[in-house]
Amino acid sequence: MSLTCTLQISLNDISQKKLNSLERALGPDNINFPKGLSFSLENVEGKLIFNFQNHGELGKMIGTVDEILEHVQVALKVMK
């Protein structure tokens, strides 16, 4: 049995300038994903929305989400 998991994370109340910068900074993270895992970004009305979908081993998704959120944290600290 293959497990399918969908996760959406939303960063709210961020300036449009920071949203655009984060979107550009994270673009390269959207390539060479493990098989069965997909990731997309949406910039909607002052929110940056991360969409993850995984088919199979959940550990891959957990590790990838952790890595991307670390990148977000570093980028936001740099933008201060």
N, C-alpha and C. Protein backbone atom coordinates (compact mmCIF):
# COMPACT_ATOMS: atom_id res chain seq x y z
N MET A 1 0.85 -1.19 0.00
CA MET A 1 0.00 0.00 0.00
C MET A 1 0.89 1.24 0.00
N SER A 2 0.59 2.16 -0.88
CA SER A 2 1.36 3.41 -0.99
C SER A 2 0.59 4.54 -0.32
N LEU A 3 1.25 5.22 0.58
CA LEU A 3 0.65 6.32 1.31
C LEU A 3 0.78 7.61 0.52
N THR A 4 -0.31 8.36 0.39
CA THR A 4 -0.27 9.67 -0.25
C THR A 4 -0.54 10.73 0.81
N CYS A 5 0.30 11.75 0.83
CA CYS A 5 0.17 12.81 1.82
C CYS A 5 0.28 14.17 1.13
N THR A 6 -0.59 15.09 1.51
CA THR A 6 -0.55 16.45 1.00
C THR A 6 -0.41 17.40 2.19
N LEU A 7 0.48 18.37 2.03
CA LEU A 7 0.74 19.34 3.10
C LEU A 7 0.79 20.73 2.50
N GLN A 8 0.11 21.67 3.14
CA GLN A 8 0.15 23.07 2.71
C GLN A 8 0.57 23.92 3.91
N ILE A 9 1.59 24.75 3.69
CA ILE A 9 2.08 25.67 4.72
C ILE A 9 1.94 27.08 4.18
N SER A 10 1.42 27.97 4.99
CA SER A 10 1.19 29.35 4.56
C SER A 10 1.96 30.31 5.47
N LEU A 11 2.76 31.19 4.86
CA LEU A 11 3.41 32.28 5.59
C LEU A 11 2.56 33.52 5.35
N ASN A 12 2.02 34.08 6.41
CA ASN A 12 1.07 35.18 6.30
C ASN A 12 1.69 36.51 6.72
N ASP A 13 1.05 37.59 6.30
CA ASP A 13 1.40 38.95 6.72
C ASP A 13 2.86 39.30 6.48
N ILE A 14 3.32 39.00 5.29
CA ILE A 14 4.68 39.34 4.88
C ILE A 14 4.57 40.36 3.75
N SER A 15 5.45 41.34 3.75
CA SER A 15 5.40 42.36 2.70
C SER A 15 5.59 41.73 1.33
N GLN A 16 5.02 42.38 0.33
CA GLN A 16 5.13 41.87 -1.04
C GLN A 16 6.59 41.77 -1.48
N LYS A 17 7.40 42.72 -1.05
CA LYS A 17 8.83 42.70 -1.40
C LYS A 17 9.50 41.44 -0.84
N LYS A 18 9.22 41.12 0.43
CA LYS A 18 9.80 39.91 1.03
C LYS A 18 9.24 38.65 0.38
N LEU A 19 7.94 38.67 0.07
CA LEU A 19 7.34 37.51 -0.61
C LEU A 19 8.03 37.24 -1.93
N ASN A 20 8.24 38.29 -2.72
CA ASN A 20 8.89 38.13 -4.02
C ASN A 20 10.32 37.62 -3.85
N SER A 21 11.03 38.15 -2.86
CA SER A 21 12.41 37.73 -2.61
C SER A 21 12.46 36.26 -2.18
N LEU A 22 11.56 35.86 -1.31
CA LEU A 22 11.51 34.47 -0.87
C LEU A 22 11.20 33.54 -2.04
N GLU A 23 10.26 33.96 -2.85
CA GLU A 23 9.87 33.14 -4.00
C GLU A 23 11.06 32.92 -4.94
N ARG A 24 11.83 33.98 -5.19
CA ARG A 24 13.02 33.87 -6.05
C ARG A 24 14.10 33.01 -5.38
N ALA A 25 14.28 33.20 -4.08
CA ALA A 25 15.31 32.46 -3.36
C ALA A 25 15.01 30.96 -3.31
N LEU A 26 13.75 30.61 -3.23
CA LEU A 26 13.37 29.20 -3.10
C LEU A 26 13.16 28.51 -4.44
N GLY A 27 13.14 29.25 -5.52
CA GLY A 27 12.94 28.66 -6.84
C GLY A 27 13.87 27.49 -7.13
N PRO A 28 15.17 27.63 -6.87
CA PRO A 28 16.09 26.51 -7.14
C PRO A 28 15.79 25.26 -6.31
N ASP A 29 15.09 25.41 -5.18
CA ASP A 29 14.74 24.25 -4.36
C ASP A 29 13.65 23.40 -5.01
N ASN A 30 13.06 23.90 -6.06
CA ASN A 30 11.95 23.23 -6.71
C ASN A 30 12.40 22.29 -7.83
N ILE A 31 13.66 21.89 -7.82
CA ILE A 31 14.17 20.97 -8.84
C ILE A 31 14.85 19.78 -8.17
N ASN A 32 15.02 18.71 -8.94
CA ASN A 32 15.69 17.49 -8.47
C ASN A 32 15.10 16.95 -7.18
N PHE A 33 13.78 16.89 -7.12
CA PHE A 33 13.11 16.35 -5.95
C PHE A 33 13.16 14.83 -5.99
N PRO A 34 13.10 14.20 -4.82
CA PRO A 34 13.05 12.73 -4.79
C PRO A 34 11.81 12.22 -5.53
N LYS A 35 11.93 11.04 -6.08
CA LYS A 35 10.80 10.42 -6.79
C LYS A 35 9.58 10.33 -5.87
N GLY A 36 8.43 10.72 -6.39
CA GLY A 36 7.19 10.65 -5.64
C GLY A 36 6.86 11.88 -4.82
N LEU A 37 7.77 12.87 -4.82
CA LEU A 37 7.56 14.08 -4.02
C LEU A 37 7.48 15.29 -4.94
N SER A 38 6.48 16.14 -4.73
CA SER A 38 6.38 17.37 -5.53
C SER A 38 6.19 18.56 -4.60
N PHE A 39 6.57 19.73 -5.12
CA PHE A 39 6.56 20.96 -4.35
C PHE A 39 6.22 22.11 -5.28
N SER A 40 5.35 23.00 -4.81
CA SER A 40 5.07 24.21 -5.58
C SER A 40 4.88 25.37 -4.61
N LEU A 41 5.10 26.57 -5.13
CA LEU A 41 4.94 27.81 -4.37
C LEU A 41 3.87 28.66 -5.01
N GLU A 42 3.06 29.31 -4.19
CA GLU A 42 2.08 30.27 -4.68
C GLU A 42 2.22 31.55 -3.87
N ASN A 43 2.17 32.67 -4.54
CA ASN A 43 2.22 33.98 -3.92
C ASN A 43 0.83 34.58 -4.09
N VAL A 44 0.01 34.52 -3.02
CA VAL A 44 -1.40 34.91 -3.11
C VAL A 44 -1.76 35.89 -2.01
N GLU A 45 -2.11 37.11 -2.38
CA GLU A 45 -2.66 38.11 -1.46
C GLU A 45 -1.89 38.22 -0.14
N GLY A 46 -0.61 38.48 -0.23
CA GLY A 46 0.18 38.68 0.98
C GLY A 46 0.57 37.41 1.71
N LYS A 47 0.41 36.27 1.04
CA LYS A 47 0.77 34.98 1.64
C LYS A 47 1.68 34.23 0.68
N LEU A 48 2.64 33.53 1.24
CA LEU A 48 3.44 32.61 0.45
C LEU A 48 3.00 31.22 0.86
N ILE A 49 2.45 30.48 -0.09
CA ILE A 49 1.87 29.17 0.20
C ILE A 49 2.75 28.08 -0.41
N PHE A 50 3.16 27.16 0.44
CA PHE A 50 3.97 26.01 0.05
C PHE A 50 3.05 24.80 -0.07
N ASN A 51 3.08 24.14 -1.20
CA ASN A 51 2.28 22.93 -1.40
C ASN A 51 3.21 21.75 -1.62
N PHE A 52 3.08 20.73 -0.79
CA PHE A 52 3.87 19.52 -0.90
C PHE A 52 2.93 18.35 -1.12
N GLN A 53 3.35 17.42 -1.96
CA GLN A 53 2.59 16.18 -2.13
C GLN A 53 3.58 15.04 -2.23
N ASN A 54 3.28 13.97 -1.51
CA ASN A 54 4.18 12.83 -1.46
C ASN A 54 3.40 11.55 -1.70
N HIS A 55 3.97 10.68 -2.52
CA HIS A 55 3.43 9.34 -2.75
C HIS A 55 4.52 8.37 -2.33
N GLY A 56 4.31 7.68 -1.22
CA GLY A 56 5.31 6.70 -0.78
C GLY A 56 5.86 7.04 0.58
N GLU A 57 7.18 6.92 0.71
CA GLU A 57 7.85 7.07 2.00
C GLU A 57 7.68 8.48 2.56
N LEU A 58 7.09 8.58 3.73
CA LEU A 58 6.81 9.87 4.36
C LEU A 58 8.07 10.57 4.84
N GLY A 59 9.10 9.82 5.15
CA GLY A 59 10.35 10.41 5.63
C GLY A 59 10.97 11.38 4.64
N LYS A 60 10.83 11.10 3.34
CA LYS A 60 11.36 12.02 2.32
C LYS A 60 10.68 13.37 2.42
N MET A 61 9.37 13.35 2.62
CA MET A 61 8.62 14.60 2.70
C MET A 61 9.01 15.38 3.95
N ILE A 62 9.12 14.69 5.06
CA ILE A 62 9.48 15.36 6.32
C ILE A 62 10.83 16.03 6.19
N GLY A 63 11.82 15.34 5.65
CA GLY A 63 13.15 15.90 5.48
C GLY A 63 13.17 17.09 4.54
N THR A 64 12.41 17.00 3.45
CA THR A 64 12.36 18.09 2.47
C THR A 64 11.68 19.32 3.05
N VAL A 65 10.57 19.14 3.74
CA VAL A 65 9.86 20.26 4.37
C VAL A 65 10.78 20.94 5.38
N ASP A 66 11.48 20.16 6.17
CA ASP A 66 12.41 20.71 7.16
C ASP A 66 13.50 21.54 6.48
N GLU A 67 14.06 21.01 5.41
CA GLU A 67 15.12 21.73 4.69
C GLU A 67 14.62 23.04 4.09
N ILE A 68 13.46 23.02 3.48
CA ILE A 68 12.93 24.24 2.86
C ILE A 68 12.59 25.28 3.92
N LEU A 69 12.02 24.86 5.04
CA LEU A 69 11.71 25.82 6.11
C LEU A 69 12.98 26.41 6.72
N GLU A 70 14.05 25.63 6.78
CA GLU A 70 15.34 26.18 7.22
C GLU A 70 15.80 27.27 6.26
N HIS A 71 15.65 27.03 4.95
CA HIS A 71 16.03 28.03 3.95
C HIS A 71 15.20 29.30 4.10
N VAL A 72 13.91 29.14 4.38
CA VAL A 72 13.03 30.29 4.59
C VAL A 72 13.50 31.09 5.80
N GLN A 73 13.81 30.40 6.88
CA GLN A 73 14.25 31.08 8.10
C GLN A 73 15.53 31.87 7.85
N VAL A 74 16.49 31.28 7.16
CA VAL A 74 17.74 31.98 6.86
C VAL A 74 17.47 33.19 5.98
N ALA A 75 16.65 33.02 4.95
CA ALA A 75 16.35 34.13 4.03
C ALA A 75 15.67 35.28 4.77
N LEU A 76 14.73 34.97 5.65
CA LEU A 76 14.04 36.03 6.40
C LEU A 76 14.99 36.76 7.34
N LYS A 77 15.93 36.05 7.95
CA LYS A 77 16.92 36.70 8.82
C LYS A 77 17.81 37.64 8.01
N VAL A 78 18.19 37.22 6.82
CA VAL A 78 19.04 38.06 5.95
C VAL A 78 18.29 39.32 5.53
N MET A 79 16.98 39.23 5.34
CA MET A 79 16.19 40.37 4.87
C MET A 79 15.89 41.39 5.95
N LYS A 80 16.15 41.08 7.21
CA LYS A 80 15.83 42.02 8.30
C LYS A 80 16.63 43.28 8.19
